[in-house]
Each structure stands twice: as C-alpha cells, then as structure tokens.
Amino acid sequence: MSELESQIDTTVRHIATVEQRVDAIQGALDARGFEASQAVDELGHMAQEEWLPRNGARVVAKAWTDAAFRARLLANGRDAVMELGLSMPKHHRHLVVLENTAKVQNVICCTLCSCTAFTIIGLPPDWYKDLEYRARVVRESRTVLKEMGLDLPADVEIRVWDTTADTRYMVLPEQPAHTIGWPEDKLASIVTRDAMIGVSRL
C-alpha cells in the first residue's frame, strides 16, 4: 500500500458514521438545554404511531362510501381530511387528491427529495426515496410501474404528479367492484400505501 493509500485508509476509518454524528449533534444540543433527545423521541413516536397509511386508508374508505365527502375531498383535500380529525403540517398548504379510474392511473413522486403527505399516507418507503425511482417514473412511468408489478393495459393513461414545496398529493384508488357495499372499516383494511402512491391497484 502506498503512503497516499495508507493516509486515505486511515482517514476513512476515522470518519464517524451517520449515527455517531447524529448522536454527537443531539448530545451537544441537549447540553445547551435544547432538549433534542426529547424532540427526537417525540418524532419517533409520531412516525411509528401516528403517521401511518391507515390514516389515508380511512380517507379512501370514507370517499368510497360517501359521495358528498368524496366531492369535498377532490375539491379540497386538506379541509376534507381535517373533517376526519387528521392534520397536516402548516407548510403542506394543499392536499390534492387524484382519482384513479379504469382508464387513468395517477402516480406521485418527488423528483427533488422524498416529500409525501406523510401524516396521511405514512412516511415514504425506501424505493420512493431512491434516485432511480424519482428520475425514471417521470420519463418511463409505464416501464417503472411494470417493474414494480403493475402491468397496465396500453389504453390506460398514466399521469405522474411531482410534489412541490407546499403541495402534497394522494391517490384515491379505484374501488374494487367486489367490495361495493362493504362497511368502511373493512374497506379501509384493503387500502395500501402503495395504492395511495399510485404504484399498485387494489
């Protein structure tokens, strides 16, 4: 090993991991009275217990069974979900709900990072944050969906929606015909996060 390679190897071995760096920052903030550890714990609780796809599943089930609510949801998603006791951060100024049909498949992405309406449909899955998905779903939507297991007929139009700074999207999946007449709680049980992102059908 050359001297340069030895220096690089030594430097690499002394670089702190992401976890170590986070712990160091958190410790420094705690030492200055900012209670960072408590805030991290609270965020962890919300992510695991409150920001779940079941919130969006409730919204979908309600829209499938209540035509008036469905109309309000499509007109102003943010106000409609608040009717169900669900909240969104202040910077999520708009929630646009995109209705899938037999001939239209809406898909959401965030080409700049990984933004979602996380309080409604849950935190984004790893594949949603992946640069390849974010770049390709816009340009090769039909191919990407097929690779993910959704092989749509050629006559189905695919519409891709890119999140903006203040606008979040949620897909309203098409209700499976065999579920017509089911109660809301049973309907909610079949709604998935992937369906609300638009990369699968129910």
Protein backbone atom coordinates (compact mmCIF):
# COMPACT_ATOMS: atom_id res chain seq x y z
CA MET A 1 0.00 0.00 0.00
CA SER A 2 1.38 3.42 -0.96
CA GLU A 3 1.74 6.26 1.53
CA LEU A 4 -1.22 8.06 -0.06
CA GLU A 5 -3.39 4.95 0.10
CA SER A 6 -2.40 4.47 3.72
CA GLN A 7 -3.40 8.05 4.54
CA ILE A 8 -6.76 7.64 2.78
CA ASP A 9 -7.39 4.34 4.57
CA THR A 10 -6.63 5.92 7.94
CA THR A 11 -8.89 8.89 7.19
CA VAL A 12 -11.78 6.67 6.08
CA ARG A 13 -11.51 4.55 9.22
CA HIS A 14 -11.74 7.69 11.39
CA ILE A 15 -14.82 9.20 9.73
CA ALA A 16 -17.78 8.97 12.08
CA THR A 17 -20.85 7.08 10.95
CA VAL A 18 -24.10 8.94 10.34
CA GLU A 19 -25.45 7.55 13.61
CA GLN A 20 -22.39 8.75 15.52
CA ARG A 21 -22.67 12.21 14.02
CA VAL A 22 -26.37 12.43 14.85
CA ASP A 23 -25.67 11.32 18.43
CA ALA A 24 -22.92 13.96 18.75
CA ILE A 25 -25.17 16.76 17.49
CA GLN A 26 -28.03 15.59 19.67
CA GLY A 27 -25.72 15.48 22.71
CA ALA A 28 -24.40 18.97 22.02
CA LEU A 29 -27.93 20.37 21.73
CA ASP A 30 -29.03 18.58 24.92
CA ALA A 31 -26.02 20.04 26.77
CA ARG A 32 -27.19 23.52 25.76
CA GLY A 33 -30.73 22.95 27.02
CA PHE A 34 -32.45 22.42 23.67
CA GLU A 35 -33.94 19.01 24.66
CA ALA A 36 -33.08 17.46 21.31
CA SER A 37 -33.37 13.92 22.67
CA GLN A 38 -36.96 14.55 23.75
CA ALA A 39 -37.82 16.02 20.35
CA VAL A 40 -36.28 13.03 18.55
CA ASP A 41 -38.25 10.65 20.77
CA GLU A 42 -41.47 12.56 20.04
CA LEU A 43 -40.81 12.47 16.30
CA GLY A 44 -40.09 8.76 16.51
CA HIS A 45 -43.38 8.19 18.30
CA MET A 46 -45.35 10.19 15.74
CA ALA A 47 -43.67 8.39 12.84
CA GLN A 48 -44.39 4.96 14.31
CA GLU A 49 -47.78 5.56 15.92
CA GLU A 50 -49.48 8.47 14.14
CA TRP A 51 -48.09 8.98 10.62
CA LEU A 52 -49.44 5.74 9.25
CA PRO A 53 -51.05 4.61 5.98
CA ARG A 54 -54.15 3.65 7.97
CA ASN A 55 -54.97 7.39 8.12
CA GLY A 56 -55.17 7.57 4.35
CA ALA A 57 -57.00 4.25 4.26
CA ARG A 58 -59.75 5.81 6.40
CA VAL A 59 -59.95 8.72 3.96
CA VAL A 60 -60.23 6.38 0.98
CA ALA A 61 -62.88 4.21 2.62
CA LYS A 62 -64.92 7.29 3.52
CA ALA A 63 -64.67 8.59 -0.06
CA TRP A 64 -65.82 5.24 -1.43
CA THR A 65 -68.93 5.19 0.76
CA ASP A 66 -69.87 8.87 0.99
CA ALA A 67 -70.32 10.71 -2.31
CA ALA A 68 -70.58 14.13 -0.66
CA PHE A 69 -67.32 13.59 1.24
CA ARG A 70 -65.68 12.34 -1.96
CA ALA A 71 -66.65 15.57 -3.73
CA ARG A 72 -65.24 17.68 -0.89
CA LEU A 73 -62.06 15.58 -0.84
CA LEU A 74 -61.46 16.09 -4.56
CA ALA A 75 -62.21 19.82 -4.24
CA ASN A 76 -60.04 20.50 -1.18
CA GLY A 77 -58.18 17.53 0.24
CA ARG A 78 -56.69 19.36 3.22
CA ASP A 79 -60.06 20.54 4.53
CA ALA A 80 -61.69 17.17 3.89
CA VAL A 81 -59.13 15.11 5.84
CA MET A 82 -59.45 17.53 8.73
CA GLU A 83 -63.12 16.53 8.92
CA LEU A 84 -61.86 13.09 9.97
CA GLY A 85 -59.64 14.55 12.68
CA LEU A 86 -56.46 14.23 10.62
CA SER A 87 -53.92 17.04 10.49
CA MET A 88 -51.20 18.22 8.15
CA PRO A 89 -48.14 20.42 8.80
CA LYS A 90 -48.59 24.12 8.09
CA HIS A 91 -46.20 24.01 5.15
CA HIS A 92 -48.39 21.36 3.48
CA ARG A 93 -50.73 24.10 2.33
CA HIS A 94 -52.53 21.97 -0.25
CA LEU A 95 -53.51 18.31 -0.45
CA VAL A 96 -54.52 17.38 -3.98
CA VAL A 97 -56.37 14.07 -4.19
CA LEU A 98 -56.06 12.34 -7.56
CA GLU A 99 -58.84 9.95 -8.52
CA ASN A 100 -57.92 6.77 -10.37
CA THR A 101 -60.38 5.24 -12.82
CA ALA A 102 -60.40 2.21 -15.07
CA LYS A 103 -58.64 4.28 -17.74
CA VAL A 104 -56.49 6.63 -15.65
CA GLN A 105 -53.67 5.74 -13.26
CA ASN A 106 -52.25 8.59 -11.19
CA VAL A 107 -48.78 8.20 -9.69
CA ILE A 108 -46.99 10.53 -7.28
CA CYS A 109 -43.30 11.22 -6.83
CA CYS A 110 -40.92 13.86 -5.55
CA THR A 111 -38.11 14.41 -8.01
CA LEU A 112 -36.16 16.71 -5.68
CA CYS A 113 -36.24 14.67 -2.47
CA SER A 114 -38.88 12.36 -1.00
CA CYS A 115 -41.83 14.50 0.11
CA THR A 116 -45.21 12.92 0.74
CA ALA A 117 -48.35 13.79 2.67
CA PHE A 118 -46.75 11.75 5.44
CA THR A 119 -49.36 12.42 8.13
CA ILE A 120 -51.98 10.96 5.79
CA ILE A 121 -50.28 8.18 3.79
CA GLY A 122 -47.31 7.50 6.06
CA LEU A 123 -43.59 8.05 5.69
CA PRO A 124 -42.21 7.36 2.20
CA PRO A 125 -40.86 3.85 1.59
CA ASP A 126 -37.18 3.44 0.69
CA TRP A 127 -37.89 2.86 -3.01
CA TYR A 128 -39.83 6.15 -3.19
CA LYS A 129 -36.73 8.00 -1.95
CA ASP A 130 -34.42 6.20 -4.36
CA LEU A 131 -32.96 8.45 -7.06
CA GLU A 132 -33.71 5.88 -9.77
CA TYR A 133 -37.44 5.85 -9.00
CA ARG A 134 -37.60 9.63 -8.74
CA ALA A 135 -35.84 10.13 -12.06
CA ARG A 136 -37.33 7.31 -14.08
CA VAL A 137 -41.00 7.36 -13.05
CA VAL A 138 -41.40 10.73 -14.74
CA ARG A 139 -39.76 9.62 -18.02
CA GLU A 140 -40.58 5.90 -18.12
CA SER A 141 -43.67 5.62 -15.96
CA ARG A 142 -45.18 2.58 -17.70
CA THR A 143 -41.90 0.66 -17.55
CA VAL A 144 -41.24 1.57 -13.91
CA LEU A 145 -44.75 0.51 -12.87
CA LYS A 146 -44.37 -2.77 -14.73
CA GLU A 147 -41.06 -3.42 -12.96
CA MET A 148 -42.88 -2.83 -9.67
CA GLY A 149 -45.57 -5.36 -10.56
CA LEU A 150 -48.24 -3.14 -12.11
CA ASP A 151 -48.58 -4.04 -15.80
CA LEU A 152 -51.22 -1.68 -17.15
CA PRO A 153 -53.02 -2.10 -20.48
CA ALA A 154 -51.83 0.25 -23.23
CA ASP A 155 -55.12 2.17 -23.19
CA VAL A 156 -54.68 3.23 -19.54
CA GLU A 157 -53.36 6.78 -19.32
CA ILE A 158 -50.63 7.29 -16.70
CA ARG A 159 -50.37 10.70 -15.07
CA VAL A 160 -47.32 11.44 -12.91
CA TRP A 161 -47.55 14.21 -10.30
CA ASP A 162 -44.44 15.79 -8.79
CA THR A 163 -44.67 17.17 -5.25
CA THR A 164 -43.94 20.88 -4.78
CA ALA A 165 -42.85 22.90 -1.75
CA ASP A 166 -46.38 23.48 -0.49
CA THR A 167 -48.47 20.87 -2.31
CA ARG A 168 -48.79 17.21 -1.41
CA TYR A 169 -50.63 14.53 -3.38
CA MET A 170 -52.57 11.42 -2.53
CA VAL A 171 -54.07 8.92 -4.96
CA LEU A 172 -57.68 7.84 -4.46
CA PRO A 173 -57.61 4.26 -5.76
CA GLU A 174 -60.47 2.87 -7.80
CA GLN A 175 -62.72 0.79 -5.57
CA PRO A 176 -62.70 -2.92 -6.47
CA ALA A 177 -66.14 -3.89 -7.73
CA HIS A 178 -66.47 -6.84 -5.36
CA THR A 179 -66.17 -4.53 -2.34
CA ILE A 180 -69.24 -2.42 -3.10
CA GLY A 181 -71.43 -2.44 -0.01
CA TRP A 182 -68.66 -3.25 2.45
CA PRO A 183 -68.55 -1.20 5.70
CA GLU A 184 -65.88 1.48 5.99
CA ASP A 185 -63.65 -0.40 8.43
CA LYS A 186 -63.48 -3.42 6.14
CA LEU A 187 -62.80 -1.22 3.12
CA ALA A 188 -60.01 0.60 4.97
CA SER A 189 -58.33 -2.74 5.68
CA ILE A 190 -57.63 -3.37 1.98
CA VAL A 191 -56.16 0.08 1.18
CA THR A 192 -52.36 0.13 0.95
CA ARG A 193 -49.76 2.88 0.97
CA ASP A 194 -48.59 1.79 -2.50
CA ALA A 195 -52.12 2.22 -3.85
CA MET A 196 -52.24 5.75 -2.40
CA ILE A 197 -48.90 6.50 -4.09
CA GLY A 198 -50.25 5.02 -7.30
CA VAL A 199 -47.79 2.20 -7.99
CA SER A 200 -50.37 -0.54 -7.41
CA ARG A 201 -54.07 -1.20 -7.88
CA LEU A 202 -56.39 -2.85 -5.41
